[in-house]
């Protein structure tokens, strides 16, 4: 049975690359900041647009040592936070 399942999913399993890319941006940002012993980010919802069934959230993310606010938006609060965290990660990777 194991061999059959492995045969079915072999191509998909080969495409998986373990590592940080498997983690979402909020997790990667938090781990980066903790590793550098920096304060954790704060997230605040600044705007919610649209009807209850089709909302767009805008979130700001602030990291004290960067001293800059980053905005992200998405179909949920979580997705908006992920988008803001991704922007900070892009800045940190440039440094």
PDB file of N, CA and C in Angstrom:
ATOM      1  N   UNK A   1       0.821  -1.195   0.000  1.00  0.00           N
ATOM      2  CA  UNK A   1       0.000   0.000   0.000  1.00  0.00           C
ATOM      3  C   UNK A   1       0.864   1.258   0.000  1.00  0.00           C
ATOM      4  N   UNK A   2       1.901   1.265   0.799  1.00  0.00           N
ATOM      5  CA  UNK A   2       2.786   2.429   0.876  1.00  0.00           C
ATOM      6  C   UNK A   2       3.426   2.721  -0.469  1.00  0.00           C
ATOM      7  N   UNK A   3       3.856   1.686  -1.171  1.00  0.00           N
ATOM      8  CA  UNK A   3       4.503   1.874  -2.474  1.00  0.00           C
ATOM      9  C   UNK A   3       3.537   2.464  -3.493  1.00  0.00           C
ATOM     10  N   UNK A   4       2.286   2.049  -3.435  1.00  0.00           N
ATOM     11  CA  UNK A   4       1.284   2.576  -4.366  1.00  0.00           C
ATOM     12  C   UNK A   4       1.068   4.065  -4.119  1.00  0.00           C
ATOM     13  N   UNK A   5       0.898   4.441  -2.871  1.00  0.00           N
ATOM     14  CA  UNK A   5       0.689   5.851  -2.520  1.00  0.00           C
ATOM     15  C   UNK A   5       1.911   6.681  -2.900  1.00  0.00           C
ATOM     16  N   UNK A   6       3.091   6.178  -2.618  1.00  0.00           N
ATOM     17  CA  UNK A   6       4.314   6.896  -2.988  1.00  0.00           C
ATOM     18  C   UNK A   6       4.400   7.076  -4.498  1.00  0.00           C
ATOM     19  N   UNK A   7       4.010   6.057  -5.239  1.00  0.00           N
ATOM     20  CA  UNK A   7       4.029   6.147  -6.704  1.00  0.00           C
ATOM     21  C   UNK A   7       3.060   7.229  -7.188  1.00  0.00           C
ATOM     22  N   UNK A   8       1.857   7.285  -6.597  1.00  0.00           N
ATOM     23  CA  UNK A   8       0.854   8.268  -7.002  1.00  0.00           C
ATOM     24  C   UNK A   8       1.329   9.698  -6.762  1.00  0.00           C
ATOM     25  N   UNK A   9       1.982   9.921  -5.634  1.00  0.00           N
ATOM     26  CA  UNK A   9       2.331  11.281  -5.222  1.00  0.00           C
ATOM     27  C   UNK A   9       3.813  11.613  -5.384  1.00  0.00           C
ATOM     28  N   UNK A  10       4.561  10.762  -6.040  1.00  0.00           N
ATOM     29  CA  UNK A  10       6.006  10.951  -6.149  1.00  0.00           C
ATOM     30  C   UNK A  10       6.367  12.304  -6.766  1.00  0.00           C
ATOM     31  N   UNK A  11       5.714  12.699  -7.839  1.00  0.00           N
ATOM     32  CA  UNK A  11       6.040  13.969  -8.505  1.00  0.00           C
ATOM     33  C   UNK A  11       5.785  15.159  -7.579  1.00  0.00           C
ATOM     34  N   UNK A  12       4.651  15.160  -6.880  1.00  0.00           N
ATOM     35  CA  UNK A  12       4.336  16.259  -5.964  1.00  0.00           C
ATOM     36  C   UNK A  12       5.302  16.306  -4.791  1.00  0.00           C
ATOM     37  N   UNK A  13       5.661  15.149  -4.264  1.00  0.00           N
ATOM     38  CA  UNK A  13       6.574  15.104  -3.123  1.00  0.00           C
ATOM     39  C   UNK A  13       7.960  15.613  -3.491  1.00  0.00           C
ATOM     40  N   UNK A  14       8.390  15.373  -4.718  1.00  0.00           N
ATOM     41  CA  UNK A  14       9.705  15.847  -5.152  1.00  0.00           C
ATOM     42  C   UNK A  14       9.754  17.368  -5.267  1.00  0.00           C
ATOM     43  N   UNK A  15       8.596  17.998  -5.484  1.00  0.00           N
ATOM     44  CA  UNK A  15       8.547  19.453  -5.636  1.00  0.00           C
ATOM     45  C   UNK A  15       8.610  20.187  -4.303  1.00  0.00           C
ATOM     46  N   UNK A  16       8.332  19.509  -3.219  1.00  0.00           N
ATOM     47  CA  UNK A  16       8.353  20.145  -1.898  1.00  0.00           C
ATOM     48  C   UNK A  16       9.791  20.401  -1.485  1.00  0.00           C
ATOM     49  N   UNK A  17      10.060  21.655  -1.135  1.00  0.00           N
ATOM     50  CA  UNK A  17      11.395  22.030  -0.675  1.00  0.00           C
ATOM     51  C   UNK A  17      11.286  22.508   0.766  1.00  0.00           C
ATOM     52  N   UNK A  18      11.691  21.683   1.716  1.00  0.00           N
ATOM     53  CA  UNK A  18      11.573  22.084   3.113  1.00  0.00           C
ATOM     54  C   UNK A  18      12.414  23.319   3.416  1.00  0.00           C
ATOM     55  N   UNK A  19      11.974  24.065   4.397  1.00  0.00           N
ATOM     56  CA  UNK A  19      12.726  25.251   4.798  1.00  0.00           C
ATOM     57  C   UNK A  19      11.797  26.395   5.130  1.00  0.00           C
ATOM     58  N   UNK A  20      12.373  27.589   5.230  1.00  0.00           N
ATOM     59  CA  UNK A  20      11.614  28.763   5.640  1.00  0.00           C
ATOM     60  C   UNK A  20      10.494  29.135   4.678  1.00  0.00           C
ATOM     61  N   UNK A  21      10.625  28.786   3.401  1.00  0.00           N
ATOM     62  CA  UNK A  21       9.590  29.156   2.442  1.00  0.00           C
ATOM     63  C   UNK A  21       8.264  28.470   2.724  1.00  0.00           C
ATOM     64  N   UNK A  22       8.267  27.446   3.533  1.00  0.00           N
ATOM     65  CA  UNK A  22       7.037  26.760   3.898  1.00  0.00           C
ATOM     66  C   UNK A  22       6.274  27.528   4.978  1.00  0.00           C
ATOM     67  N   UNK A  23       6.917  28.504   5.576  1.00  0.00           N
ATOM     68  CA  UNK A  23       6.301  29.282   6.654  1.00  0.00           C
ATOM     69  C   UNK A  23       5.691  30.556   6.087  1.00  0.00           C
ATOM     70  N   UNK A  24       4.625  31.014   6.734  1.00  0.00           N
ATOM     71  CA  UNK A  24       3.984  32.240   6.279  1.00  0.00           C
ATOM     72  C   UNK A  24       4.818  33.460   6.683  1.00  0.00           C
ATOM     73  N   UNK A  25       4.588  34.615   6.036  1.00  0.00           N
ATOM     74  CA  UNK A  25       5.402  35.805   6.308  1.00  0.00           C
ATOM     75  C   UNK A  25       5.384  36.269   7.765  1.00  0.00           C
ATOM     76  N   UNK A  26       4.236  36.170   8.440  1.00  0.00           N
ATOM     77  CA  UNK A  26       4.188  36.597   9.848  1.00  0.00           C
ATOM     78  C   UNK A  26       5.112  35.745  10.707  1.00  0.00           C
ATOM     79  N   UNK A  27       5.095  34.450  10.483  1.00  0.00           N
ATOM     80  CA  UNK A  27       5.955  33.541  11.243  1.00  0.00           C
ATOM     81  C   UNK A  27       7.417  33.820  10.950  1.00  0.00           C
ATOM     82  N   UNK A  28       7.759  33.981   9.661  1.00  0.00           N
ATOM     83  CA  UNK A  28       9.150  34.254   9.295  1.00  0.00           C
ATOM     84  C   UNK A  28       9.632  35.567   9.897  1.00  0.00           C
ATOM     85  N   UNK A  29       8.773  36.596   9.885  1.00  0.00           N
ATOM     86  CA  UNK A  29       9.154  37.888  10.465  1.00  0.00           C
ATOM     87  C   UNK A  29       9.375  37.747  11.965  1.00  0.00           C
ATOM     88  N   UNK A  30       8.465  37.084  12.645  1.00  0.00           N
ATOM     89  CA  UNK A  30       8.600  36.904  14.089  1.00  0.00           C
ATOM     90  C   UNK A  30       9.877  36.140  14.429  1.00  0.00           C
ATOM     91  N   UNK A  31      10.162  35.076  13.695  1.00  0.00           N
ATOM     92  CA  UNK A  31      11.375  34.299  13.960  1.00  0.00           C
ATOM     93  C   UNK A  31      12.632  35.120  13.682  1.00  0.00           C
ATOM     94  N   UNK A  32      12.602  35.927  12.638  1.00  0.00           N
ATOM     95  CA  UNK A  32      13.746  36.790  12.323  1.00  0.00           C
ATOM     96  C   UNK A  32      13.993  37.775  13.466  1.00  0.00           C
ATOM     97  N   UNK A  33      12.920  38.442  13.909  1.00  0.00           N
ATOM     98  CA  UNK A  33      13.058  39.440  14.975  1.00  0.00           C
ATOM     99  C   UNK A  33      13.496  38.798  16.288  1.00  0.00           C
ATOM    100  N   UNK A  34      12.939  37.647  16.611  1.00  0.00           N
ATOM    101  CA  UNK A  34      13.342  36.954  17.833  1.00  0.00           C
ATOM    102  C   UNK A  34      14.804  36.546  17.763  1.00  0.00           C
ATOM    103  N   UNK A  35      15.248  36.118  16.593  1.00  0.00           N
ATOM    104  CA  UNK A  35      16.641  35.725  16.417  1.00  0.00           C
ATOM    105  C   UNK A  35      17.603  36.883  16.614  1.00  0.00           C
ATOM    106  N   UNK A  36      17.144  38.091  16.292  1.00  0.00           N
ATOM    107  CA  UNK A  36      17.968  39.297  16.456  1.00  0.00           C
ATOM    108  C   UNK A  36      17.700  39.988  17.796  1.00  0.00           C
ATOM    109  N   UNK A  37      16.852  39.364  18.618  1.00  0.00           N
ATOM    110  CA  UNK A  37      16.453  39.913  19.923  1.00  0.00           C
ATOM    111  C   UNK A  37      15.852  41.317  19.791  1.00  0.00           C
ATOM    112  N   UNK A  38      15.008  41.468  18.769  1.00  0.00           N
ATOM    113  CA  UNK A  38      14.322  42.735  18.523  1.00  0.00           C
ATOM    114  C   UNK A  38      12.869  42.610  18.961  1.00  0.00           C
ATOM    115  N   UNK A  39      12.211  43.745  19.218  1.00  0.00           N
ATOM    116  CA  UNK A  39      10.799  43.691  19.619  1.00  0.00           C
ATOM    117  C   UNK A  39       9.931  43.091  18.511  1.00  0.00           C
ATOM    118  N   UNK A  40       8.878  42.415  18.917  1.00  0.00           N
ATOM    119  CA  UNK A  40       7.962  41.812  17.955  1.00  0.00           C
ATOM    120  C   UNK A  40       7.086  42.888  17.317  1.00  0.00           C
ATOM    121  N   UNK A  41       6.577  42.629  16.121  1.00  0.00           N
ATOM    122  CA  UNK A  41       5.747  43.619  15.440  1.00  0.00           C
ATOM    123  C   UNK A  41       4.378  43.751  16.094  1.00  0.00           C
ATOM    124  N   UNK A  42       3.770  44.905  15.872  1.00  0.00           N
ATOM    125  CA  UNK A  42       2.383  45.109  16.289  1.00  0.00           C
ATOM    126  C   UNK A  42       1.550  45.309  15.033  1.00  0.00           C
ATOM    127  N   UNK A  43       0.358  44.737  15.034  1.00  0.00           N
ATOM    128  CA  UNK A  43      -0.555  44.822  13.897  1.00  0.00           C
ATOM    129  C   UNK A  43      -1.829  45.520  14.343  1.00  0.00           C
ATOM    130  N   UNK A  44      -2.301  46.462  13.536  1.00  0.00           N
ATOM    131  CA  UNK A  44      -3.546  47.171  13.823  1.00  0.00           C
ATOM    132  C   UNK A  44      -4.380  47.266  12.553  1.00  0.00           C
ATOM    133  N   UNK A  45      -5.663  46.938  12.668  1.00  0.00           N
ATOM    134  CA  UNK A  45      -6.575  47.112  11.540  1.00  0.00           C
ATOM    135  C   UNK A  45      -6.882  48.601  11.432  1.00  0.00           C
ATOM    136  N   UNK A  46      -6.631  49.180  10.259  1.00  0.00           N
ATOM    137  CA  UNK A  46      -6.879  50.612  10.075  1.00  0.00           C
ATOM    138  C   UNK A  46      -8.114  50.870   9.223  1.00  0.00           C
ATOM    139  N   UNK A  47      -8.554  49.852   8.478  1.00  0.00           N
ATOM    140  CA  UNK A  47      -9.731  50.056   7.633  1.00  0.00           C
ATOM    141  C   UNK A  47     -10.331  48.715   7.240  1.00  0.00           C
ATOM    142  N   UNK A  48     -11.660  48.701   7.192  1.00  0.00           N
ATOM    143  CA  UNK A  48     -12.399  47.552   6.675  1.00  0.00           C
ATOM    144  C   UNK A  48     -13.392  48.111   5.664  1.00  0.00           C
ATOM    145  N   UNK A  49     -13.286  47.655   4.413  1.00  0.00           N
ATOM    146  CA  UNK A  49     -14.172  48.128   3.350  1.00  0.00           C
ATOM    147  C   UNK A  49     -15.021  46.980   2.841  1.00  0.00           C
ATOM    148  N   UNK A  50     -16.193  47.321   2.344  1.00  0.00           N
ATOM    149  CA  UNK A  50     -17.037  46.340   1.679  1.00  0.00           C
ATOM    150  C   UNK A  50     -18.115  45.757   2.561  1.00  0.00           C
ATOM    151  N   UNK A  51     -18.958  44.976   1.917  1.00  0.00           N
ATOM    152  CA  UNK A  51     -20.049  44.296   2.602  1.00  0.00           C
ATOM    153  C   UNK A  51     -19.496  43.147   3.446  1.00  0.00           C
ATOM    154  N   UNK A  52     -20.288  42.692   4.397  1.00  0.00           N
ATOM    155  CA  UNK A  52     -19.840  41.655   5.332  1.00  0.00           C
ATOM    156  C   UNK A  52     -19.345  40.392   4.625  1.00  0.00           C
ATOM    157  N   UNK A  53     -19.918  40.066   3.488  1.00  0.00           N
ATOM    158  CA  UNK A  53     -19.531  38.837   2.775  1.00  0.00           C
ATOM    159  C   UNK A  53     -18.351  39.043   1.820  1.00  0.00           C
ATOM    160  N   UNK A  54     -17.929  40.290   1.648  1.00  0.00           N
ATOM    161  CA  UNK A  54     -16.860  40.578   0.679  1.00  0.00           C
ATOM    162  C   UNK A  54     -16.054  41.785   1.166  1.00  0.00           C
ATOM    163  N   UNK A  55     -15.355  41.617   2.266  1.00  0.00           N
ATOM    164  CA  UNK A  55     -14.625  42.726   2.870  1.00  0.00           C
ATOM    165  C   UNK A  55     -13.156  42.721   2.469  1.00  0.00           C
ATOM    166  N   UNK A  56     -12.580  43.912   2.505  1.00  0.00           N
ATOM    167  CA  UNK A  56     -11.139  44.073   2.334  1.00  0.00           C
ATOM    168  C   UNK A  56     -10.606  44.740   3.587  1.00  0.00           C
ATOM    169  N   UNK A  57      -9.637  44.108   4.206  1.00  0.00           N
ATOM    170  CA  UNK A  57      -9.028  44.617   5.428  1.00  0.00           C
ATOM    171  C   UNK A  57      -7.710  45.296   5.087  1.00  0.00           C
ATOM    172  N   UNK A  58      -7.459  46.424   5.734  1.00  0.00           N
ATOM    173  CA  UNK A  58      -6.163  47.085   5.628  1.00  0.00           C
ATOM    174  C   UNK A  58      -5.561  47.114   7.023  1.00  0.00           C
ATOM    175  N   UNK A  59      -4.333  46.631   7.116  1.00  0.00           N
ATOM    176  CA  UNK A  59      -3.650  46.493   8.402  1.00  0.00           C
ATOM    177  C   UNK A  59      -2.316  47.210   8.324  1.00  0.00           C
ATOM    178  N   UNK A  60      -1.946  47.857   9.433  1.00  0.00           N
ATOM    179  CA  UNK A  60      -0.603  48.424   9.517  1.00  0.00           C
ATOM    180  C   UNK A  60       0.218  47.551  10.454  1.00  0.00           C
ATOM    181  N   UNK A  61       1.482  47.424  10.121  1.00  0.00           N
ATOM    182  CA  UNK A  61       2.412  46.642  10.926  1.00  0.00           C
ATOM    183  C   UNK A  61       3.580  47.550  11.276  1.00  0.00           C
ATOM    184  N   UNK A  62       3.918  47.578  12.551  1.00  0.00           N
ATOM    185  CA  UNK A  62       4.988  48.454  13.025  1.00  0.00           C
ATOM    186  C   UNK A  62       6.012  47.631  13.795  1.00  0.00           C
ATOM    187  N   UNK A  63       7.279  47.837  13.442  1.00  0.00           N
ATOM    188  CA  UNK A  63       8.384  47.224  14.178  1.00  0.00           C
ATOM    189  C   UNK A  63       9.218  48.367  14.728  1.00  0.00           C
ATOM    190  N   UNK A  64       9.341  48.418  16.039  1.00  0.00           N
ATOM    191  CA  UNK A  64       9.965  49.552  16.718  1.00  0.00           C
ATOM    192  C   UNK A  64      11.351  49.899  16.168  1.00  0.00           C
ATOM    193  N   UNK A  65      12.216  48.936  16.011  1.00  0.00           N
ATOM    194  CA  UNK A  65      13.594  49.229  15.589  1.00  0.00           C
ATOM    195  C   UNK A  65      13.703  49.656  14.131  1.00  0.00           C
ATOM    196  N   UNK A  66      12.697  49.347  13.323  1.00  0.00           N
ATOM    197  CA  UNK A  66      12.691  49.793  11.932  1.00  0.00           C
ATOM    198  C   UNK A  66      12.119  51.203  11.859  1.00  0.00           C
ATOM    199  N   UNK A  67      11.268  51.546  12.830  1.00  0.00           N
ATOM    200  CA  UNK A  67      10.676  52.873  12.963  1.00  0.00           C
ATOM    201  C   UNK A  67       9.955  53.303  11.685  1.00  0.00           C
ATOM    202  N   UNK A  68       9.176  52.374  11.173  1.00  0.00           N
ATOM    203  CA  UNK A  68       8.408  52.646   9.964  1.00  0.00           C
ATOM    204  C   UNK A  68       7.180  51.748   9.978  1.00  0.00           C
ATOM    205  N   UNK A  69       6.069  52.256   9.463  1.00  0.00           N
ATOM    206  CA  UNK A  69       4.838  51.479   9.400  1.00  0.00           C
ATOM    207  C   UNK A  69       4.665  50.910   7.996  1.00  0.00           C
ATOM    208  N   UNK A  70       4.267  49.659   7.925  1.00  0.00           N
ATOM    209  CA  UNK A  70       4.034  48.991   6.647  1.00  0.00           C
ATOM    210  C   UNK A  70       2.568  48.603   6.563  1.00  0.00           C
ATOM    211  N   UNK A  71       1.972  48.801   5.403  1.00  0.00           N
ATOM    212  CA  UNK A  71       0.556  48.517   5.206  1.00  0.00           C
ATOM    213  C   UNK A  71       0.391  47.261   4.356  1.00  0.00           C
ATOM    214  N   UNK A  72      -0.661  46.526   4.664  1.00  0.00           N
ATOM    215  CA  UNK A  72      -1.018  45.362   3.865  1.00  0.00           C
ATOM    216  C   UNK A  72      -2.523  45.251   3.801  1.00  0.00           C
ATOM    217  N   UNK A  73      -3.038  44.681   2.733  1.00  0.00           N
ATOM    218  CA  UNK A  73      -4.480  44.494   2.648  1.00  0.00           C
ATOM    219  C   UNK A  73      -4.788  43.106   2.107  1.00  0.00           C
ATOM    220  N   UNK A  74      -5.985  42.641   2.437  1.00  0.00           N
ATOM    221  CA  UNK A  74      -6.388  41.311   2.018  1.00  0.00           C
ATOM    222  C   UNK A  74      -7.840  41.042   2.343  1.00  0.00           C
ATOM    223  N   UNK A  75      -8.322  39.889   1.916  1.00  0.00           N
ATOM    224  CA  UNK A  75      -9.718  39.514   2.099  1.00  0.00           C
ATOM    225  C   UNK A  75     -10.046  39.138   3.543  1.00  0.00           C
ATOM    226  N   UNK A  76      -9.032  39.006   4.379  1.00  0.00           N
ATOM    227  CA  UNK A  76      -9.239  38.739   5.803  1.00  0.00           C
ATOM    228  C   UNK A  76      -8.174  39.501   6.585  1.00  0.00           C
ATOM    229  N   UNK A  77      -8.412  39.626   7.868  1.00  0.00           N
ATOM    230  CA  UNK A  77      -7.415  40.294   8.714  1.00  0.00           C
ATOM    231  C   UNK A  77      -6.075  39.549   8.643  1.00  0.00           C
ATOM    232  N   UNK A  78      -6.151  38.248   8.687  1.00  0.00           N
ATOM    233  CA  UNK A  78      -4.936  37.422   8.633  1.00  0.00           C
ATOM    234  C   UNK A  78      -4.160  37.655   7.336  1.00  0.00           C
ATOM    235  N   UNK A  79      -4.869  37.670   6.205  1.00  0.00           N
ATOM    236  CA  UNK A  79      -4.196  37.885   4.924  1.00  0.00           C
ATOM    237  C   UNK A  79      -3.591  39.283   4.841  1.00  0.00           C
ATOM    238  N   UNK A  80      -4.260  40.264   5.409  1.00  0.00           N
ATOM    239  CA  UNK A  80      -3.724  41.625   5.422  1.00  0.00           C
ATOM    240  C   UNK A  80      -2.463  41.692   6.282  1.00  0.00           C
ATOM    241  N   UNK A  81      -2.472  41.018   7.423  1.00  0.00           N
ATOM    242  CA  UNK A  81      -1.281  40.977   8.276  1.00  0.00           C
ATOM    243  C   UNK A  81      -0.126  40.280   7.559  1.00  0.00           C
ATOM    244  N   UNK A  82      -0.433  39.206   6.843  1.00  0.00           N
ATOM    245  CA  UNK A  82       0.601  38.490   6.091  1.00  0.00           C
ATOM    246  C   UNK A  82       1.218  39.405   5.031  1.00  0.00           C
ATOM    247  N   UNK A  83       0.376  40.185   4.352  1.00  0.00           N
ATOM    248  CA  UNK A  83       0.862  41.084   3.302  1.00  0.00           C
ATOM    249  C   UNK A  83       1.774  42.161   3.883  1.00  0.00           C
ATOM    250  N   UNK A  84       1.401  42.710   5.033  1.00  0.00           N
ATOM    251  CA  UNK A  84       2.238  43.730   5.677  1.00  0.00           C
ATOM    252  C   UNK A  84       3.563  43.126   6.136  1.00  0.00           C
ATOM    253  N   UNK A  85       3.514  41.947   6.718  1.00  0.00           N
ATOM    254  CA  UNK A  85       4.739  41.276   7.175  1.00  0.00           C
ATOM    255  C   UNK A  85       5.659  40.979   5.995  1.00  0.00           C
ATOM    256  N   UNK A  86       5.086  40.602   4.865  1.00  0.00           N
ATOM    257  CA  UNK A  86       5.887  40.316   3.666  1.00  0.00           C
ATOM    258  C   UNK A  86       6.650  41.558   3.214  1.00  0.00           C
ATOM    259  N   UNK A  87       6.029  42.717   3.302  1.00  0.00           N
ATOM    260  CA  UNK A  87       6.705  43.963   2.911  1.00  0.00           C
ATOM    261  C   UNK A  87       7.901  44.245   3.815  1.00  0.00           C
ATOM    262  N   UNK A  88       7.747  43.996   5.102  1.00  0.00           N
ATOM    263  CA  UNK A  88       8.867  44.200   6.028  1.00  0.00           C
ATOM    264  C   UNK A  88       9.986  43.211   5.717  1.00  0.00           C
ATOM    265  N   UNK A  89       9.629  41.968   5.458  1.00  0.00           N
ATOM    266  CA  UNK A  89      10.641  40.960   5.126  1.00  0.00           C
ATOM    267  C   UNK A  89      11.421  41.351   3.873  1.00  0.00           C
ATOM    268  N   UNK A  90      10.734  41.898   2.886  1.00  0.00           N
ATOM    269  CA  UNK A  90      11.416  42.338   1.667  1.00  0.00           C
ATOM    270  C   UNK A  90      12.429  43.429   1.984  1.00  0.00           C
ATOM    271  N   UNK A  91      12.065  44.352   2.858  1.00  0.00           N
ATOM    272  CA  UNK A  91      12.994  45.417   3.252  1.00  0.00           C
ATOM    273  C   UNK A  91      14.191  44.827   3.994  1.00  0.00           C
ATOM    274  N   UNK A  92      13.943  43.909   4.921  1.00  0.00           N
ATOM    275  CA  UNK A  92      15.018  43.318   5.712  1.00  0.00           C
ATOM    276  C   UNK A  92      15.971  42.494   4.850  1.00  0.00           C
ATOM    277  N   UNK A  93      15.448  41.851   3.813  1.00  0.00           N
ATOM    278  CA  UNK A  93      16.299  41.048   2.937  1.00  0.00           C
ATOM    279  C   UNK A  93      17.213  41.920   2.086  1.00  0.00           C
ATOM    280  N   UNK A  94      16.846  43.197   1.877  1.00  0.00           N
ATOM    281  CA  UNK A  94      17.678  44.116   1.106  1.00  0.00           C
ATOM    282  C   UNK A  94      18.871  44.602   1.908  1.00  0.00           C
ATOM    283  N   UNK A  95      18.738  44.579   3.226  1.00  0.00           N
ATOM    284  CA  UNK A  95      19.810  45.094   4.088  1.00  0.00           C
ATOM    285  C   UNK A  95      20.964  44.136   4.140  1.00  0.00           C
TER     286      UNK A  95
END
